[in-house]
Amino acid sequence: MNHLYFVAFKSILTKEINRFTRIWIQTLVPPAITMTLYFLIFGNLVGSRIGEMGGVSYMEFIAPGLIMMSVITSSYSNVASSFYSAKFQRNIEEIMVAPVPHYVMIAGYVGGGVARGLCVGLIVTVVAMLFVDISLHHVSLVILTMFLTSVLFSLGGLINAVFAKSFDDISIIPTFILTPLTYLGGVFYSLSLLPPFWQGVSGLNPVVYMINVFRYGFLGFADLSVPLSIAIMLGFCVSLWTLAYYLISRGIGLRS
């Protein structure tokens, strides 16, 4: 990446970071409040009746999943809202005609989503430490999984924004696809509790693999193969990056 491309990437990334930090009370505080409620309700009230799961307390079991859920939501919404706003205000046209490769523009917006996802993930982790003793068995896996998940759903948010024709379209995917996938991704239960058929169905859910590796990084055990889960995450990242690059390079959904 030459100096011009680096300056362009840095400019977009800085703009994206300034955007969500400027309104931090809307972007960083709500996930902390929401996760606090989850820990209070599912951890203290419900978890005390469930007992242990996977050899650890229920609150300790769900903590990685709740952290990952906040990372997914924040990464996705950040890029989806930001990119669509730029498209709606026609600011995106200025970037499209600039002498900068499309992959630099994609990297800038995705970098902003990753930055917000990692910030929210860190905040929710701190919140989790108030309720349960957090122990990291594999720090590198925790960092890698959080990063890949942020990249994947930032790309998803970008693709959503490309096709969106109104602000209402931004909420369709999170409501009808993202939320069900997340709640059925093993956040609140172990896949081993499901009948064989539903375990197979769960294997079609990409969120299952992210939470699987993330929980392994925290607790040291997993329901599925860790190398397979990482390979699937990488595959989704490459696929969505390729799709995003194709859409933007062709100007699909961007040119009136």
Protein backbone atom coordinates (compact mmCIF):
# COMPACT_ATOMS: atom_id res chain seq x y z
CA MET A 1 0.00 0.00 0.00
CA ASN A 2 1.62 3.24 -1.12
CA HIS A 3 1.49 6.48 0.84
CA LEU A 4 -1.60 7.83 -0.96
CA TYR A 5 -3.56 4.67 -0.28
CA PHE A 6 -2.46 4.63 3.36
CA VAL A 7 -3.59 8.25 3.82
CA ALA A 8 -6.99 7.39 2.29
CA PHE A 9 -7.37 4.34 4.53
CA LYS A 10 -6.34 6.30 7.61
CA SER A 11 -8.74 9.13 6.75
CA ILE A 12 -11.75 6.81 6.41
CA LEU A 13 -10.78 4.84 9.49
CA THR A 14 -10.30 7.98 11.58
CA LYS A 15 -13.64 9.34 10.41
CA GLU A 16 -15.37 6.11 11.36
CA ILE A 17 -13.75 5.96 14.79
CA ASN A 18 -14.54 9.63 15.48
CA ARG A 19 -18.12 8.95 14.42
CA PHE A 20 -18.89 6.31 17.03
CA THR A 21 -16.74 7.81 19.79
CA ARG A 22 -18.39 11.22 19.38
CA ILE A 23 -21.78 9.66 20.19
CA TRP A 24 -20.36 7.15 22.69
CA ILE A 25 -23.43 7.39 24.88
CA GLN A 26 -25.40 5.82 21.99
CA THR A 27 -22.79 3.39 20.69
CA LEU A 28 -20.74 2.20 23.68
CA VAL A 29 -22.97 2.56 26.73
CA PRO A 30 -26.13 0.65 25.61
CA PRO A 31 -24.28 -2.68 25.07
CA ALA A 32 -22.86 -2.43 28.59
CA ILE A 33 -26.33 -1.82 30.06
CA THR A 34 -27.91 -4.60 27.99
CA MET A 35 -25.26 -7.13 28.97
CA THR A 36 -25.55 -6.13 32.62
CA LEU A 37 -29.24 -7.02 32.45
CA TYR A 38 -28.42 -10.35 30.78
CA PHE A 39 -25.96 -11.20 33.54
CA LEU A 40 -28.44 -10.20 36.24
CA ILE A 41 -31.38 -12.12 34.77
CA PHE A 42 -29.81 -15.15 33.09
CA GLY A 43 -26.73 -15.31 35.27
CA ASN A 44 -27.95 -14.65 38.80
CA LEU A 45 -31.66 -15.47 38.68
CA VAL A 46 -31.91 -18.22 36.06
CA GLY A 47 -28.34 -19.49 36.31
CA SER A 48 -28.62 -20.25 40.01
CA ARG A 49 -31.43 -22.70 39.20
CA ILE A 50 -29.69 -24.30 36.21
CA GLY A 51 -26.45 -25.02 38.04
CA GLU A 52 -23.31 -25.99 36.20
CA MET A 53 -22.91 -26.43 32.46
CA GLY A 54 -19.80 -27.96 30.98
CA GLY A 55 -18.24 -28.19 34.42
CA VAL A 56 -18.48 -24.43 35.12
CA SER A 57 -21.20 -22.19 36.56
CA TYR A 58 -23.92 -21.12 34.14
CA MET A 59 -22.89 -17.46 34.40
CA GLU A 60 -19.32 -18.36 33.51
CA PHE A 61 -20.61 -20.47 30.62
CA ILE A 62 -22.71 -17.71 29.03
CA ALA A 63 -20.18 -14.90 29.54
CA PRO A 64 -18.17 -15.57 26.32
CA GLY A 65 -21.37 -15.83 24.28
CA LEU A 66 -22.72 -12.55 25.63
CA ILE A 67 -19.45 -10.79 24.85
CA MET A 68 -19.48 -12.20 21.33
CA MET A 69 -23.12 -11.20 20.86
CA SER A 70 -22.30 -7.57 21.65
CA VAL A 71 -19.32 -7.65 19.26
CA ILE A 72 -21.49 -9.00 16.44
CA THR A 73 -24.23 -6.43 16.89
CA SER A 74 -21.88 -3.45 17.24
CA SER A 75 -19.67 -4.34 14.27
CA TYR A 76 -22.62 -4.91 11.99
CA SER A 77 -24.64 -1.85 12.93
CA ASN A 78 -21.65 0.49 12.80
CA VAL A 79 -20.79 -0.18 9.15
CA ALA A 80 -24.38 -0.62 7.99
CA SER A 81 -25.52 2.74 9.37
CA SER A 82 -22.35 4.63 8.45
CA PHE A 83 -22.06 3.40 4.88
CA TYR A 84 -25.76 3.84 4.16
CA SER A 85 -25.64 7.37 5.59
CA ALA A 86 -22.76 8.17 3.24
CA LYS A 87 -24.73 6.69 0.36
CA PHE A 88 -27.92 8.54 1.33
CA GLN A 89 -26.10 11.88 1.62
CA ARG A 90 -24.18 11.11 -1.61
CA ASN A 91 -20.85 11.46 0.18
CA ILE A 92 -19.90 8.03 -1.10
CA GLU A 93 -19.71 9.37 -4.65
CA GLU A 94 -16.74 11.53 -3.69
CA ILE A 95 -14.87 8.46 -2.48
CA MET A 96 -15.89 6.43 -5.53
CA VAL A 97 -14.33 8.95 -7.95
CA ALA A 98 -11.17 9.40 -5.88
CA PRO A 99 -7.99 7.74 -7.22
CA VAL A 100 -8.11 5.11 -4.49
CA PRO A 101 -8.72 1.38 -4.99
CA HIS A 102 -12.04 0.07 -3.80
CA TYR A 103 -10.37 -2.35 -1.41
CA VAL A 104 -8.91 0.63 0.48
CA MET A 105 -12.39 2.09 0.93
CA ILE A 106 -13.76 -1.26 2.09
CA ALA A 107 -10.85 -1.68 4.51
CA GLY A 108 -11.49 1.78 5.98
CA TYR A 109 -15.17 1.16 6.68
CA VAL A 110 -14.56 -2.38 7.92
CA GLY A 111 -11.74 -1.07 10.12
CA GLY A 112 -14.21 1.31 11.76
CA GLY A 113 -16.62 -1.55 12.44
CA VAL A 114 -13.81 -3.67 13.86
CA ALA A 115 -12.69 -0.80 16.10
CA ARG A 116 -16.18 -0.38 17.53
CA GLY A 117 -16.66 -4.14 17.88
CA LEU A 118 -13.39 -4.51 19.81
CA CYS A 119 -14.19 -1.50 22.03
CA VAL A 120 -17.62 -2.86 22.88
CA GLY A 121 -16.16 -6.33 23.42
CA LEU A 122 -13.64 -4.91 25.88
CA ILE A 123 -16.31 -2.92 27.72
CA VAL A 124 -18.62 -5.94 28.02
CA THR A 125 -15.69 -8.07 29.21
CA VAL A 126 -15.09 -5.56 32.01
CA VAL A 127 -18.81 -5.72 32.86
CA ALA A 128 -18.62 -9.53 32.91
CA MET A 129 -15.72 -9.37 35.37
CA LEU A 130 -18.07 -7.69 37.85
CA PHE A 131 -20.26 -10.80 37.88
CA VAL A 132 -17.90 -13.71 37.28
CA ASP A 133 -14.21 -14.52 37.48
CA ILE A 134 -12.89 -14.28 33.93
CA SER A 135 -10.06 -16.67 33.13
CA LEU A 136 -8.39 -16.83 29.71
CA HIS A 137 -7.07 -20.23 28.67
CA HIS A 138 -5.98 -19.11 25.20
CA VAL A 139 -5.57 -15.35 24.88
CA SER A 140 -4.48 -15.52 21.24
CA LEU A 141 -7.65 -17.42 20.27
CA VAL A 142 -9.84 -14.90 22.11
CA ILE A 143 -8.23 -11.99 20.26
CA LEU A 144 -8.26 -13.78 16.89
CA THR A 145 -11.91 -14.81 17.21
CA MET A 146 -13.04 -11.35 18.25
CA PHE A 147 -11.13 -9.80 15.35
CA LEU A 148 -12.42 -12.25 12.71
CA THR A 149 -15.98 -11.91 13.98
CA SER A 150 -15.77 -8.13 13.83
CA VAL A 151 -14.42 -8.28 10.28
CA LEU A 152 -17.08 -10.75 9.16
CA PHE A 153 -20.05 -8.81 10.48
CA SER A 154 -18.59 -5.46 9.44
CA LEU A 155 -18.51 -6.83 5.90
CA GLY A 156 -22.07 -8.06 6.37
CA GLY A 157 -23.14 -4.60 7.45
CA LEU A 158 -21.43 -3.09 4.41
CA ILE A 159 -23.21 -5.46 2.03
CA ASN A 160 -26.53 -4.72 3.76
CA ALA A 161 -25.94 -0.99 3.30
CA VAL A 162 -25.11 -1.45 -0.40
CA PHE A 163 -28.48 -3.06 -1.08
CA ALA A 164 -30.49 -0.89 1.34
CA LYS A 165 -32.80 1.66 -0.26
CA SER A 166 -34.04 3.23 2.97
CA PHE A 167 -33.04 3.41 6.61
CA ASP A 168 -35.71 0.81 7.37
CA ASP A 169 -33.81 -1.71 5.23
CA ILE A 170 -30.86 -1.42 7.61
CA SER A 171 -32.89 -3.03 10.41
CA ILE A 172 -34.37 -5.91 8.37
CA ILE A 173 -31.29 -8.15 8.37
CA PRO A 174 -30.46 -7.66 12.09
CA THR A 175 -34.08 -8.28 13.10
CA PHE A 176 -34.96 -11.29 10.96
CA ILE A 177 -31.56 -12.94 10.37
CA LEU A 178 -28.86 -11.69 12.73
CA THR A 179 -30.82 -11.91 15.98
CA PRO A 180 -32.15 -15.47 15.39
CA LEU A 181 -28.69 -16.69 14.33
CA THR A 182 -27.14 -15.17 17.44
CA TYR A 183 -29.68 -16.50 19.93
CA LEU A 184 -29.55 -19.94 18.30
CA GLY A 185 -25.75 -19.87 18.18
CA GLY A 186 -25.18 -21.51 21.54
CA VAL A 187 -24.96 -18.38 23.67
CA PHE A 188 -27.24 -19.74 26.40
CA TYR A 189 -26.84 -23.50 25.95
CA SER A 190 -24.39 -26.20 24.98
CA LEU A 191 -24.88 -27.92 21.64
CA SER A 192 -24.42 -31.26 23.41
CA LEU A 193 -27.84 -30.75 25.01
CA LEU A 194 -29.56 -30.80 21.60
CA PRO A 195 -30.82 -33.93 19.83
CA PRO A 196 -28.55 -35.14 16.99
CA PHE A 197 -30.82 -33.67 14.29
CA TRP A 198 -30.76 -30.18 15.78
CA GLN A 199 -27.03 -30.42 16.37
CA GLY A 200 -26.70 -30.96 12.63
CA VAL A 201 -28.98 -28.02 11.91
CA SER A 202 -26.94 -25.83 14.26
CA GLY A 203 -23.88 -26.70 12.17
CA LEU A 204 -25.36 -24.53 9.41
CA ASN A 205 -25.25 -21.48 11.68
CA PRO A 206 -21.93 -19.60 11.30
CA VAL A 207 -22.37 -17.90 14.68
CA VAL A 208 -22.09 -21.31 16.35
CA TYR A 209 -18.47 -21.63 15.25
CA MET A 210 -17.53 -18.14 16.45
CA ILE A 211 -18.99 -18.66 19.90
CA ASN A 212 -17.48 -22.16 19.98
CA VAL A 213 -13.90 -20.90 19.51
CA PHE A 214 -14.46 -17.87 21.73
CA ARG A 215 -15.75 -20.04 24.59
CA TYR A 216 -12.81 -22.38 24.11
CA GLY A 217 -10.45 -19.43 24.47
CA PHE A 218 -12.06 -18.54 27.80
CA LEU A 219 -12.98 -21.90 29.33
CA GLY A 220 -10.76 -24.40 27.56
CA PHE A 221 -13.52 -26.63 26.15
CA ALA A 222 -15.61 -26.57 22.99
CA ASP A 223 -18.51 -28.43 21.39
CA LEU A 224 -16.96 -28.41 17.91
CA SER A 225 -13.51 -28.65 16.37
CA VAL A 226 -11.57 -25.42 16.97
CA PRO A 227 -9.46 -25.62 13.75
CA LEU A 228 -12.64 -26.29 11.74
CA SER A 229 -14.39 -23.33 13.37
CA ILE A 230 -11.49 -20.99 12.57
CA ALA A 231 -11.37 -22.25 8.98
CA ILE A 232 -15.10 -21.59 8.56
CA MET A 233 -14.74 -18.06 9.95
CA LEU A 234 -11.87 -17.34 7.57
CA GLY A 235 -13.90 -18.75 4.69
CA PHE A 236 -16.85 -16.50 5.47
CA CYS A 237 -14.56 -13.46 5.77
CA VAL A 238 -12.98 -14.12 2.38
CA SER A 239 -16.36 -14.79 0.76
CA LEU A 240 -17.99 -11.63 2.11
CA TRP A 241 -14.92 -9.52 1.26
CA THR A 242 -15.05 -10.83 -2.32
CA LEU A 243 -18.77 -10.09 -2.57
CA ALA A 244 -18.37 -6.59 -1.11
CA TYR A 245 -15.53 -5.82 -3.52
CA TYR A 246 -17.56 -7.07 -6.47
CA LEU A 247 -20.60 -5.00 -5.54
CA ILE A 248 -18.67 -1.79 -4.96
CA SER A 249 -16.39 -2.15 -7.98
CA ARG A 250 -19.47 -2.60 -10.14
CA GLY A 251 -21.25 0.29 -8.44
CA ILE A 252 -24.24 -1.89 -7.60
CA GLY A 253 -26.63 0.01 -5.34
CA LEU A 254 -24.36 3.06 -5.34
CA ARG A 255 -24.99 4.75 -8.65
CA SER A 256 -28.27 6.48 -9.29
